[in-house]
């Protein structure tokens, strides 16, 4: 069984200077997420930026609507991110 190739690389860093919670670079298949995000907001922004990578032609409105829909579904299904250190 071959390992699936990642759709995009995810980098966590503070994005305060960019005034953003997340950024997507579709050309380089790179998603940046603010490292201070937690819980539902983290999930929402991760999905949002992922949608920018896989659908670069979508409007910001369409990305927001779909990200919200997917994040709510996954969160209501019981998904939680656990940080183990």
N, C-alpha and C. Protein backbone atom coordinates (compact mmCIF):
# COMPACT_ATOMS: atom_id res chain seq x y z
N UNK A 1 0.84 -1.18 0.00
CA UNK A 1 0.00 0.00 0.00
C UNK A 1 0.89 1.24 0.00
N UNK A 2 0.68 2.12 -0.95
CA UNK A 2 1.48 3.34 -1.03
C UNK A 2 0.86 4.45 -0.17
N UNK A 3 1.74 5.24 0.38
CA UNK A 3 1.30 6.35 1.21
C UNK A 3 0.77 7.47 0.33
N UNK A 4 -0.37 8.04 0.71
CA UNK A 4 -0.98 9.12 -0.08
C UNK A 4 -0.12 10.38 -0.01
N UNK A 5 0.05 11.02 -1.14
CA UNK A 5 0.82 12.25 -1.22
C UNK A 5 0.00 13.39 -0.61
N UNK A 6 0.60 14.21 0.26
CA UNK A 6 -0.16 15.31 0.87
C UNK A 6 -0.63 16.31 -0.19
N UNK A 7 -1.82 16.85 0.01
CA UNK A 7 -2.37 17.84 -0.91
C UNK A 7 -1.61 19.16 -0.77
N UNK A 8 -1.24 19.49 0.47
CA UNK A 8 -0.50 20.72 0.72
C UNK A 8 0.30 20.56 2.01
N UNK A 9 1.38 21.30 2.10
CA UNK A 9 2.17 21.33 3.32
C UNK A 9 1.53 22.36 4.25
N UNK A 10 1.40 22.01 5.53
CA UNK A 10 0.82 22.91 6.52
C UNK A 10 1.93 23.39 7.45
N UNK A 11 2.06 24.71 7.54
CA UNK A 11 3.06 25.34 8.40
C UNK A 11 2.32 26.15 9.46
N UNK A 12 2.76 26.02 10.72
CA UNK A 12 2.16 26.78 11.82
C UNK A 12 3.14 27.87 12.24
N UNK A 13 2.67 29.11 12.23
CA UNK A 13 3.47 30.25 12.68
C UNK A 13 2.53 31.40 13.02
N UNK A 14 3.02 32.34 13.79
CA UNK A 14 2.22 33.51 14.13
C UNK A 14 2.05 34.37 12.89
N UNK A 15 0.81 34.72 12.58
CA UNK A 15 0.49 35.51 11.39
C UNK A 15 -0.04 36.90 11.72
N UNK A 16 0.31 37.41 12.89
CA UNK A 16 -0.16 38.72 13.31
C UNK A 16 0.21 39.83 12.36
N UNK A 17 1.45 39.79 11.85
CA UNK A 17 1.90 40.84 10.95
C UNK A 17 1.12 40.82 9.63
N UNK A 18 0.69 39.62 9.22
CA UNK A 18 -0.09 39.49 7.99
C UNK A 18 -1.56 39.81 8.22
N UNK A 19 -1.94 39.98 9.49
CA UNK A 19 -3.34 40.24 9.88
C UNK A 19 -4.27 39.16 9.32
N UNK A 20 -3.86 37.91 9.54
CA UNK A 20 -4.62 36.77 9.03
C UNK A 20 -4.54 35.62 10.02
N UNK A 21 -5.54 34.76 9.98
CA UNK A 21 -5.50 33.53 10.76
C UNK A 21 -4.90 32.40 9.93
N UNK A 22 -4.98 32.56 8.60
CA UNK A 22 -4.43 31.55 7.71
C UNK A 22 -4.16 32.15 6.34
N UNK A 23 -3.29 31.48 5.61
CA UNK A 23 -2.96 31.89 4.24
C UNK A 23 -2.75 30.64 3.41
N UNK A 24 -3.09 30.75 2.12
CA UNK A 24 -2.87 29.64 1.21
C UNK A 24 -2.11 30.12 -0.01
N UNK A 25 -1.13 29.35 -0.41
CA UNK A 25 -0.36 29.61 -1.63
C UNK A 25 -0.59 28.40 -2.53
N UNK A 26 -1.59 28.50 -3.41
CA UNK A 26 -1.97 27.37 -4.26
C UNK A 26 -0.84 26.94 -5.17
N UNK A 27 -0.07 27.89 -5.67
CA UNK A 27 1.02 27.57 -6.58
C UNK A 27 2.08 26.69 -5.95
N UNK A 28 2.38 26.94 -4.68
CA UNK A 28 3.39 26.16 -3.95
C UNK A 28 2.76 25.09 -3.06
N UNK A 29 1.44 25.00 -3.10
CA UNK A 29 0.71 24.04 -2.27
C UNK A 29 1.13 24.14 -0.81
N UNK A 30 1.02 25.36 -0.29
CA UNK A 30 1.43 25.68 1.08
C UNK A 30 0.28 26.35 1.81
N UNK A 31 -0.02 25.85 3.00
CA UNK A 31 -1.02 26.45 3.88
C UNK A 31 -0.30 26.90 5.14
N UNK A 32 -0.52 28.15 5.54
CA UNK A 32 0.03 28.65 6.80
C UNK A 32 -1.14 28.93 7.73
N UNK A 33 -1.02 28.44 8.95
CA UNK A 33 -2.05 28.60 9.97
C UNK A 33 -1.42 29.29 11.18
N UNK A 34 -2.12 30.27 11.74
CA UNK A 34 -1.61 30.94 12.93
C UNK A 34 -1.48 29.92 14.06
N UNK A 35 -0.30 29.83 14.63
CA UNK A 35 -0.01 28.82 15.65
C UNK A 35 -0.78 29.04 16.95
N UNK A 36 -1.42 30.19 17.12
CA UNK A 36 -2.18 30.46 18.34
C UNK A 36 -3.63 29.97 18.27
N UNK A 37 -4.07 29.53 17.11
CA UNK A 37 -5.46 29.07 16.97
C UNK A 37 -5.68 27.75 17.69
N UNK A 38 -6.86 27.60 18.23
CA UNK A 38 -7.24 26.38 18.94
C UNK A 38 -8.67 26.00 18.58
N UNK A 39 -9.01 24.78 18.87
CA UNK A 39 -10.38 24.31 18.79
C UNK A 39 -11.05 24.49 17.44
N UNK A 40 -12.32 24.89 17.50
CA UNK A 40 -13.15 25.01 16.30
C UNK A 40 -12.55 26.00 15.30
N UNK A 41 -12.02 27.12 15.79
CA UNK A 41 -11.46 28.14 14.90
C UNK A 41 -10.30 27.55 14.09
N UNK A 42 -9.46 26.73 14.73
CA UNK A 42 -8.35 26.08 14.02
C UNK A 42 -8.89 25.20 12.89
N UNK A 43 -9.88 24.38 13.21
CA UNK A 43 -10.48 23.49 12.21
C UNK A 43 -11.07 24.29 11.04
N UNK A 44 -11.81 25.33 11.36
CA UNK A 44 -12.44 26.16 10.33
C UNK A 44 -11.40 26.79 9.40
N UNK A 45 -10.36 27.36 9.94
CA UNK A 45 -9.33 28.02 9.13
C UNK A 45 -8.54 27.00 8.33
N UNK A 46 -8.24 25.86 8.89
CA UNK A 46 -7.53 24.81 8.17
C UNK A 46 -8.32 24.35 6.95
N UNK A 47 -9.61 24.12 7.11
CA UNK A 47 -10.47 23.72 6.00
C UNK A 47 -10.56 24.85 4.97
N UNK A 48 -10.73 26.08 5.46
CA UNK A 48 -10.83 27.24 4.58
C UNK A 48 -9.61 27.34 3.66
N UNK A 49 -8.43 27.28 4.25
CA UNK A 49 -7.21 27.41 3.44
C UNK A 49 -7.02 26.20 2.52
N UNK A 50 -7.41 25.04 2.97
CA UNK A 50 -7.34 23.83 2.13
C UNK A 50 -8.22 24.00 0.90
N UNK A 51 -9.41 24.58 1.07
CA UNK A 51 -10.29 24.81 -0.07
C UNK A 51 -9.68 25.78 -1.07
N UNK A 52 -8.93 26.77 -0.59
CA UNK A 52 -8.24 27.67 -1.50
C UNK A 52 -7.22 26.91 -2.35
N UNK A 53 -6.57 25.90 -1.77
CA UNK A 53 -5.57 25.12 -2.50
C UNK A 53 -6.24 24.25 -3.56
N UNK A 54 -7.31 23.55 -3.20
CA UNK A 54 -7.91 22.60 -4.14
C UNK A 54 -8.91 23.24 -5.11
N UNK A 55 -9.36 24.45 -4.78
CA UNK A 55 -10.30 25.17 -5.66
C UNK A 55 -9.85 26.63 -5.81
N UNK A 56 -8.71 26.87 -6.45
CA UNK A 56 -8.21 28.25 -6.56
C UNK A 56 -9.12 29.18 -7.34
N UNK A 57 -10.05 28.62 -8.10
CA UNK A 57 -10.98 29.42 -8.90
C UNK A 57 -12.21 29.87 -8.11
N UNK A 58 -12.43 29.33 -6.92
CA UNK A 58 -13.61 29.69 -6.13
C UNK A 58 -13.48 31.10 -5.57
N UNK A 59 -14.61 31.77 -5.43
CA UNK A 59 -14.63 33.09 -4.80
C UNK A 59 -14.43 32.92 -3.29
N UNK A 60 -14.06 34.01 -2.64
CA UNK A 60 -13.89 33.98 -1.18
C UNK A 60 -15.20 33.62 -0.49
N UNK A 61 -16.31 34.10 -1.03
CA UNK A 61 -17.62 33.79 -0.45
C UNK A 61 -17.90 32.30 -0.52
N UNK A 62 -17.65 31.69 -1.66
CA UNK A 62 -17.88 30.26 -1.81
C UNK A 62 -16.97 29.46 -0.88
N UNK A 63 -15.72 29.87 -0.74
CA UNK A 63 -14.79 29.18 0.17
C UNK A 63 -15.30 29.29 1.60
N UNK A 64 -15.70 30.49 2.02
CA UNK A 64 -16.21 30.69 3.39
C UNK A 64 -17.43 29.83 3.67
N UNK A 65 -18.38 29.82 2.75
CA UNK A 65 -19.61 29.05 2.95
C UNK A 65 -19.31 27.56 3.08
N UNK A 66 -18.48 27.03 2.19
CA UNK A 66 -18.17 25.61 2.23
C UNK A 66 -17.32 25.24 3.43
N UNK A 67 -16.35 26.08 3.78
CA UNK A 67 -15.51 25.81 4.95
C UNK A 67 -16.36 25.75 6.21
N UNK A 68 -17.30 26.68 6.33
CA UNK A 68 -18.18 26.70 7.50
C UNK A 68 -19.04 25.44 7.56
N UNK A 69 -19.57 25.04 6.43
CA UNK A 69 -20.42 23.85 6.36
C UNK A 69 -19.63 22.59 6.76
N UNK A 70 -18.43 22.44 6.20
CA UNK A 70 -17.62 21.26 6.49
C UNK A 70 -17.13 21.25 7.93
N UNK A 71 -16.70 22.41 8.43
CA UNK A 71 -16.20 22.49 9.80
C UNK A 71 -17.31 22.16 10.81
N UNK A 72 -18.51 22.69 10.59
CA UNK A 72 -19.63 22.38 11.50
C UNK A 72 -19.93 20.89 11.50
N UNK A 73 -19.95 20.28 10.31
CA UNK A 73 -20.23 18.85 10.21
C UNK A 73 -19.18 18.03 10.96
N UNK A 74 -17.92 18.33 10.74
CA UNK A 74 -16.85 17.58 11.38
C UNK A 74 -16.86 17.80 12.89
N UNK A 75 -17.08 19.06 13.33
CA UNK A 75 -17.10 19.38 14.75
C UNK A 75 -18.28 18.69 15.45
N UNK A 76 -19.45 18.73 14.82
CA UNK A 76 -20.63 18.08 15.40
C UNK A 76 -20.46 16.56 15.45
N UNK A 77 -19.61 16.03 14.57
CA UNK A 77 -19.31 14.60 14.57
C UNK A 77 -18.36 14.20 15.69
N UNK A 78 -17.87 15.18 16.43
CA UNK A 78 -17.04 14.89 17.60
C UNK A 78 -15.55 15.08 17.41
N UNK A 79 -15.12 15.58 16.25
CA UNK A 79 -13.69 15.79 16.04
C UNK A 79 -13.15 16.86 16.98
N UNK A 80 -12.02 16.57 17.61
CA UNK A 80 -11.31 17.54 18.43
C UNK A 80 -9.82 17.31 18.23
N UNK A 81 -9.07 18.39 18.14
CA UNK A 81 -7.62 18.31 18.03
C UNK A 81 -7.05 18.28 19.44
N UNK A 82 -6.17 17.32 19.68
CA UNK A 82 -5.55 17.21 20.98
C UNK A 82 -4.05 17.44 20.81
N UNK A 83 -3.52 18.39 21.56
CA UNK A 83 -2.09 18.67 21.53
C UNK A 83 -1.40 17.83 22.59
N UNK A 84 -0.56 16.92 22.16
CA UNK A 84 0.20 16.08 23.09
C UNK A 84 1.64 16.58 23.08
N UNK A 85 2.10 16.97 24.24
CA UNK A 85 3.47 17.51 24.31
C UNK A 85 4.29 16.73 25.29
